[in-house]
Amino acid sequence: MRKKNRQHSNFPDVEVKSINEPRPVCVLCGKTIDNIADAISEPGGNYSHFDCVIEKIKNEYQVTEPDVVSYIGQGRFGICTKDSNGSYTIKERINYESTDSFMAMKKFVEGTKE
């Protein structure tokens, strides 16, 4: 069986930047954040684990079953309750991560690319 001569692409090589994953410390539990994508930015430029923020909100708002805390997007969390049909309703919205702190986190991560 003869090998076919395969041509490589004529596209120029593109340099792909690697990410030097930042490892900040969670201001709520004091442990290292291993995956920055799982972090929530805090006012003042600090970071917290997503799960630590959920626990903080549960404690501050005294959330008990059947209510739950859920991330609802754009830096907001909601205290949600489940009705008898299994549908969730947002009882309270909590603005947690500001646009400014999210953009600061994005800039921080971009600055770690090599």
N, C-alpha and C. Protein backbone atom coordinates (compact mmCIF):
# COMPACT_ATOMS: atom_id res chain seq x y z
N MET A 1 0.84 -1.18 0.00
CA MET A 1 0.00 0.00 0.00
C MET A 1 0.88 1.24 0.00
N ARG A 2 0.58 2.14 -0.85
CA ARG A 2 1.38 3.35 -0.98
C ARG A 2 0.82 4.46 -0.09
N LYS A 3 1.73 5.19 0.52
CA LYS A 3 1.33 6.33 1.34
C LYS A 3 1.05 7.53 0.44
N LYS A 4 -0.02 8.20 0.75
CA LYS A 4 -0.35 9.41 0.01
C LYS A 4 0.49 10.56 0.55
N ASN A 5 0.92 11.39 -0.35
CA ASN A 5 1.67 12.58 0.06
C ASN A 5 0.67 13.63 0.53
N ARG A 6 0.68 13.93 1.79
CA ARG A 6 -0.26 14.91 2.34
C ARG A 6 0.41 16.26 2.43
N GLN A 7 -0.27 17.25 1.92
CA GLN A 7 0.24 18.61 2.01
C GLN A 7 -0.27 19.26 3.28
N HIS A 8 0.58 20.04 3.88
CA HIS A 8 0.17 20.80 5.05
C HIS A 8 -0.52 22.08 4.60
N SER A 9 -1.23 22.69 5.49
CA SER A 9 -1.96 23.91 5.20
C SER A 9 -1.00 25.03 4.80
N ASN A 10 -1.50 25.90 3.96
CA ASN A 10 -0.72 27.07 3.55
C ASN A 10 -0.93 28.25 4.49
N PHE A 11 -1.79 28.05 5.51
CA PHE A 11 -2.02 29.12 6.48
C PHE A 11 -0.77 29.30 7.32
N PRO A 12 -0.48 30.55 7.68
CA PRO A 12 0.70 30.78 8.53
C PRO A 12 0.47 30.20 9.93
N ASP A 13 1.57 29.83 10.57
CA ASP A 13 1.48 29.36 11.95
C ASP A 13 1.01 30.51 12.83
N VAL A 14 0.14 30.18 13.76
CA VAL A 14 -0.39 31.18 14.68
C VAL A 14 0.13 30.85 16.07
N GLU A 15 0.67 31.85 16.74
CA GLU A 15 1.14 31.66 18.10
C GLU A 15 -0.06 31.66 19.05
N VAL A 16 -0.20 30.59 19.78
CA VAL A 16 -1.29 30.47 20.74
C VAL A 16 -0.73 30.78 22.12
N LYS A 17 -1.35 31.77 22.78
CA LYS A 17 -0.88 32.15 24.10
C LYS A 17 -1.31 31.12 25.13
N SER A 18 -0.43 30.84 26.05
CA SER A 18 -0.80 29.95 27.15
C SER A 18 -1.23 30.81 28.33
N ILE A 19 -2.02 30.21 29.19
CA ILE A 19 -2.50 30.95 30.35
C ILE A 19 -1.77 30.44 31.59
N ASN A 20 -1.16 31.36 32.29
CA ASN A 20 -0.56 31.04 33.57
C ASN A 20 -1.67 31.26 34.60
N GLU A 21 -2.37 30.17 34.92
CA GLU A 21 -3.57 30.25 35.78
C GLU A 21 -3.26 30.96 37.09
N PRO A 22 -3.93 32.09 37.33
CA PRO A 22 -3.73 32.76 38.62
C PRO A 22 -4.31 31.91 39.74
N ARG A 23 -3.73 31.99 40.90
CA ARG A 23 -4.18 31.22 42.05
C ARG A 23 -4.38 32.14 43.26
N PRO A 24 -5.40 33.02 43.17
CA PRO A 24 -5.65 33.91 44.31
C PRO A 24 -6.23 33.12 45.48
N VAL A 25 -6.24 33.76 46.63
CA VAL A 25 -6.80 33.16 47.84
C VAL A 25 -8.22 33.67 48.02
N CYS A 26 -9.14 32.78 48.34
CA CYS A 26 -10.53 33.13 48.60
C CYS A 26 -10.60 33.96 49.87
N VAL A 27 -11.24 35.13 49.79
CA VAL A 27 -11.34 36.00 50.97
C VAL A 27 -12.35 35.48 51.99
N LEU A 28 -13.17 34.51 51.59
CA LEU A 28 -14.17 33.98 52.52
C LEU A 28 -13.68 32.77 53.30
N CYS A 29 -12.88 31.89 52.66
CA CYS A 29 -12.43 30.68 53.37
C CYS A 29 -10.92 30.62 53.57
N GLY A 30 -10.18 31.47 52.86
CA GLY A 30 -8.73 31.50 53.02
C GLY A 30 -7.98 30.44 52.23
N LYS A 31 -8.68 29.64 51.42
CA LYS A 31 -8.02 28.60 50.62
C LYS A 31 -7.77 29.12 49.21
N THR A 32 -6.80 28.49 48.53
CA THR A 32 -6.44 28.87 47.17
C THR A 32 -7.58 28.55 46.21
N ILE A 33 -7.80 29.44 45.26
CA ILE A 33 -8.78 29.20 44.19
C ILE A 33 -8.00 28.57 43.04
N ASP A 34 -8.24 27.29 42.79
CA ASP A 34 -7.48 26.55 41.79
C ASP A 34 -7.93 26.85 40.36
N ASN A 35 -9.18 27.21 40.17
CA ASN A 35 -9.69 27.48 38.84
C ASN A 35 -10.37 28.86 38.87
N ILE A 36 -9.72 29.84 38.27
CA ILE A 36 -10.23 31.22 38.33
C ILE A 36 -11.61 31.33 37.69
N ALA A 37 -11.94 30.43 36.77
CA ALA A 37 -13.26 30.45 36.13
C ALA A 37 -14.37 30.12 37.13
N ASP A 38 -14.03 29.49 38.24
CA ASP A 38 -15.01 29.15 39.28
C ASP A 38 -15.07 30.20 40.38
N ALA A 39 -14.43 31.34 40.17
CA ALA A 39 -14.38 32.37 41.20
C ALA A 39 -15.38 33.48 40.92
N ILE A 40 -15.72 34.19 41.97
CA ILE A 40 -16.56 35.38 41.88
C ILE A 40 -15.71 36.54 42.37
N SER A 41 -15.74 37.64 41.62
CA SER A 41 -14.96 38.79 42.05
C SER A 41 -15.71 39.56 43.13
N GLU A 42 -14.95 40.02 44.07
CA GLU A 42 -15.47 40.77 45.21
C GLU A 42 -15.16 42.25 45.02
N PRO A 43 -15.91 43.12 45.68
CA PRO A 43 -15.55 44.55 45.64
C PRO A 43 -14.13 44.73 46.17
N GLY A 44 -13.38 45.61 45.56
CA GLY A 44 -12.02 45.86 46.01
C GLY A 44 -10.99 44.99 45.32
N GLY A 45 -11.41 44.13 44.39
CA GLY A 45 -10.46 43.35 43.61
C GLY A 45 -10.10 41.99 44.17
N ASN A 46 -10.74 41.54 45.23
CA ASN A 46 -10.48 40.21 45.76
C ASN A 46 -11.39 39.19 45.09
N TYR A 47 -11.15 37.91 45.38
CA TYR A 47 -11.92 36.83 44.76
C TYR A 47 -12.38 35.83 45.80
N SER A 48 -13.48 35.15 45.48
CA SER A 48 -14.03 34.12 46.36
C SER A 48 -14.43 32.91 45.52
N HIS A 49 -14.41 31.73 46.16
CA HIS A 49 -14.96 30.55 45.51
C HIS A 49 -16.45 30.75 45.29
N PHE A 50 -16.95 30.26 44.19
CA PHE A 50 -18.38 30.33 43.89
C PHE A 50 -19.18 29.70 45.03
N ASP A 51 -18.77 28.51 45.48
CA ASP A 51 -19.49 27.82 46.56
C ASP A 51 -19.43 28.58 47.88
N CYS A 52 -18.34 29.27 48.13
CA CYS A 52 -18.24 30.07 49.36
C CYS A 52 -19.23 31.23 49.33
N VAL A 53 -19.43 31.81 48.16
CA VAL A 53 -20.40 32.91 48.02
C VAL A 53 -21.81 32.38 48.27
N ILE A 54 -22.11 31.19 47.73
CA ILE A 54 -23.43 30.58 47.96
C ILE A 54 -23.66 30.41 49.47
N GLU A 55 -22.67 29.88 50.18
CA GLU A 55 -22.80 29.68 51.63
C GLU A 55 -22.94 31.00 52.37
N LYS A 56 -22.19 32.01 51.94
CA LYS A 56 -22.28 33.34 52.56
C LYS A 56 -23.70 33.89 52.43
N ILE A 57 -24.27 33.79 51.24
CA ILE A 57 -25.63 34.29 51.02
C ILE A 57 -26.64 33.49 51.84
N LYS A 58 -26.47 32.16 51.88
CA LYS A 58 -27.38 31.33 52.69
C LYS A 58 -27.38 31.79 54.14
N ASN A 59 -26.21 32.07 54.66
CA ASN A 59 -26.10 32.48 56.06
C ASN A 59 -26.63 33.90 56.29
N GLU A 60 -26.25 34.83 55.42
CA GLU A 60 -26.68 36.23 55.60
C GLU A 60 -28.19 36.39 55.46
N TYR A 61 -28.78 35.62 54.56
CA TYR A 61 -30.22 35.76 54.31
C TYR A 61 -31.04 34.67 55.01
N GLN A 62 -30.38 33.86 55.81
CA GLN A 62 -31.02 32.78 56.58
C GLN A 62 -31.92 31.92 55.68
N VAL A 63 -31.33 31.43 54.59
CA VAL A 63 -32.06 30.62 53.62
C VAL A 63 -32.18 29.20 54.16
N THR A 64 -33.39 28.71 54.24
CA THR A 64 -33.64 27.34 54.69
C THR A 64 -34.51 26.63 53.66
N GLU A 65 -34.48 25.30 53.70
CA GLU A 65 -35.30 24.52 52.76
C GLU A 65 -36.76 24.85 52.95
N PRO A 66 -37.52 24.88 51.94
CA PRO A 66 -37.25 24.42 50.58
C PRO A 66 -36.59 25.47 49.70
N ASP A 67 -36.25 26.64 50.22
CA ASP A 67 -35.60 27.67 49.42
C ASP A 67 -34.15 27.30 49.14
N VAL A 68 -33.64 27.80 48.02
CA VAL A 68 -32.25 27.57 47.62
C VAL A 68 -31.67 28.88 47.09
N VAL A 69 -30.34 28.95 47.09
CA VAL A 69 -29.64 30.08 46.48
C VAL A 69 -29.13 29.59 45.14
N SER A 70 -29.37 30.39 44.11
CA SER A 70 -28.98 30.01 42.76
C SER A 70 -28.36 31.20 42.05
N TYR A 71 -27.35 30.94 41.21
CA TYR A 71 -26.78 31.99 40.38
C TYR A 71 -27.74 32.23 39.22
N ILE A 72 -28.13 33.48 38.99
CA ILE A 72 -29.10 33.77 37.94
C ILE A 72 -28.51 34.60 36.81
N GLY A 73 -27.19 34.81 36.84
CA GLY A 73 -26.51 35.47 35.73
C GLY A 73 -26.16 36.92 36.01
N GLN A 74 -25.16 37.40 35.24
CA GLN A 74 -24.71 38.78 35.30
C GLN A 74 -24.34 39.22 36.71
N GLY A 75 -23.69 38.33 37.47
CA GLY A 75 -23.23 38.67 38.81
C GLY A 75 -24.31 38.68 39.87
N ARG A 76 -25.48 38.13 39.54
CA ARG A 76 -26.60 38.13 40.48
C ARG A 76 -26.95 36.73 40.95
N PHE A 77 -27.38 36.65 42.19
CA PHE A 77 -27.88 35.41 42.77
C PHE A 77 -29.34 35.62 43.11
N GLY A 78 -30.06 34.52 43.22
CA GLY A 78 -31.46 34.61 43.61
C GLY A 78 -31.77 33.64 44.72
N ILE A 79 -32.66 34.03 45.59
CA ILE A 79 -33.21 33.10 46.57
C ILE A 79 -34.49 32.58 45.92
N CYS A 80 -34.49 31.29 45.66
CA CYS A 80 -35.57 30.68 44.88
C CYS A 80 -36.33 29.67 45.73
N THR A 81 -37.59 29.50 45.39
CA THR A 81 -38.41 28.51 46.06
C THR A 81 -39.10 27.65 45.01
N LYS A 82 -39.32 26.40 45.36
CA LYS A 82 -39.93 25.44 44.44
C LYS A 82 -41.39 25.24 44.83
N ASP A 83 -42.29 25.37 43.85
CA ASP A 83 -43.71 25.18 44.16
C ASP A 83 -44.10 23.70 44.00
N SER A 84 -45.34 23.40 44.24
CA SER A 84 -45.80 22.00 44.21
C SER A 84 -45.72 21.38 42.82
N ASN A 85 -45.64 22.20 41.79
CA ASN A 85 -45.50 21.69 40.41
C ASN A 85 -44.05 21.47 40.02
N GLY A 86 -43.12 21.83 40.90
CA GLY A 86 -41.70 21.66 40.61
C GLY A 86 -41.07 22.86 39.93
N SER A 87 -41.81 23.94 39.77
CA SER A 87 -41.28 25.16 39.16
C SER A 87 -40.65 26.05 40.23
N TYR A 88 -39.56 26.69 39.83
CA TYR A 88 -38.88 27.60 40.76
C TYR A 88 -39.32 29.03 40.52
N THR A 89 -39.43 29.78 41.59
CA THR A 89 -39.75 31.20 41.55
C THR A 89 -38.66 31.94 42.31
N ILE A 90 -38.21 33.04 41.75
CA ILE A 90 -37.21 33.86 42.42
C ILE A 90 -37.92 34.77 43.42
N LYS A 91 -37.63 34.55 44.69
CA LYS A 91 -38.23 35.35 45.75
C LYS A 91 -37.47 36.66 45.96
N GLU A 92 -36.15 36.60 45.79
CA GLU A 92 -35.33 37.78 46.03
C GLU A 92 -34.11 37.72 45.13
N ARG A 93 -33.74 38.86 44.54
CA ARG A 93 -32.55 38.97 43.69
C ARG A 93 -31.46 39.69 44.48
N ILE A 94 -30.24 39.18 44.35
CA ILE A 94 -29.12 39.76 45.08
C ILE A 94 -28.03 40.13 44.08
N ASN A 95 -27.75 41.42 43.94
CA ASN A 95 -26.66 41.87 43.08
C ASN A 95 -25.37 41.67 43.86
N TYR A 96 -24.52 40.78 43.37
CA TYR A 96 -23.31 40.46 44.11
C TYR A 96 -22.05 40.95 43.40
N GLU A 97 -21.88 40.55 42.16
CA GLU A 97 -20.67 40.90 41.42
C GLU A 97 -20.97 42.07 40.49
N SER A 98 -20.32 43.19 40.70
CA SER A 98 -20.57 44.36 39.86
C SER A 98 -19.89 44.19 38.51
N THR A 99 -20.36 44.92 37.53
CA THR A 99 -19.75 44.90 36.20
C THR A 99 -18.30 45.32 36.29
N ASP A 100 -18.01 46.34 37.12
CA ASP A 100 -16.63 46.82 37.26
C ASP A 100 -15.72 45.74 37.82
N SER A 101 -16.18 45.01 38.85
CA SER A 101 -15.32 43.97 39.43
C SER A 101 -15.17 42.79 38.48
N PHE A 102 -16.22 42.47 37.70
CA PHE A 102 -16.10 41.41 36.71
C PHE A 102 -15.08 41.80 35.64
N MET A 103 -15.13 43.04 35.18
CA MET A 103 -14.19 43.49 34.15
C MET A 103 -12.76 43.51 34.70
N ALA A 104 -12.60 43.83 35.97
CA ALA A 104 -11.28 43.80 36.60
C ALA A 104 -10.75 42.37 36.63
N MET A 105 -11.63 41.40 36.92
CA MET A 105 -11.21 40.00 36.91
C MET A 105 -10.80 39.58 35.50
N LYS A 106 -11.59 39.97 34.52
CA LYS A 106 -11.28 39.62 33.13
C LYS A 106 -9.91 40.19 32.73
N LYS A 107 -9.66 41.44 33.09
CA LYS A 107 -8.39 42.07 32.80
C LYS A 107 -7.24 41.35 33.51
N PHE A 108 -7.47 40.95 34.76
CA PHE A 108 -6.48 40.21 35.53
C PHE A 108 -6.12 38.90 34.84
N VAL A 109 -7.14 38.14 34.40
CA VAL A 109 -6.90 36.86 33.72
C VAL A 109 -6.18 37.09 32.40
N GLU A 110 -6.61 38.09 31.63
CA GLU A 110 -5.95 38.38 30.35
C GLU A 110 -4.48 38.72 30.57
N GLY A 111 -4.17 39.38 31.68
CA GLY A 111 -2.79 39.77 31.98
C GLY A 111 -1.91 38.59 32.33
N THR A 112 -2.49 37.42 32.59
CA THR A 112 -1.70 36.25 32.94
C THR A 112 -1.31 35.42 31.71
N LYS A 113 -1.82 35.79 30.55
CA LYS A 113 -1.49 35.03 29.33
C LYS A 113 -0.08 35.32 28.91
N GLU A 114 0.61 34.28 28.49
CA GLU A 114 2.02 34.43 28.07
C GLU A 114 2.15 34.17 26.59
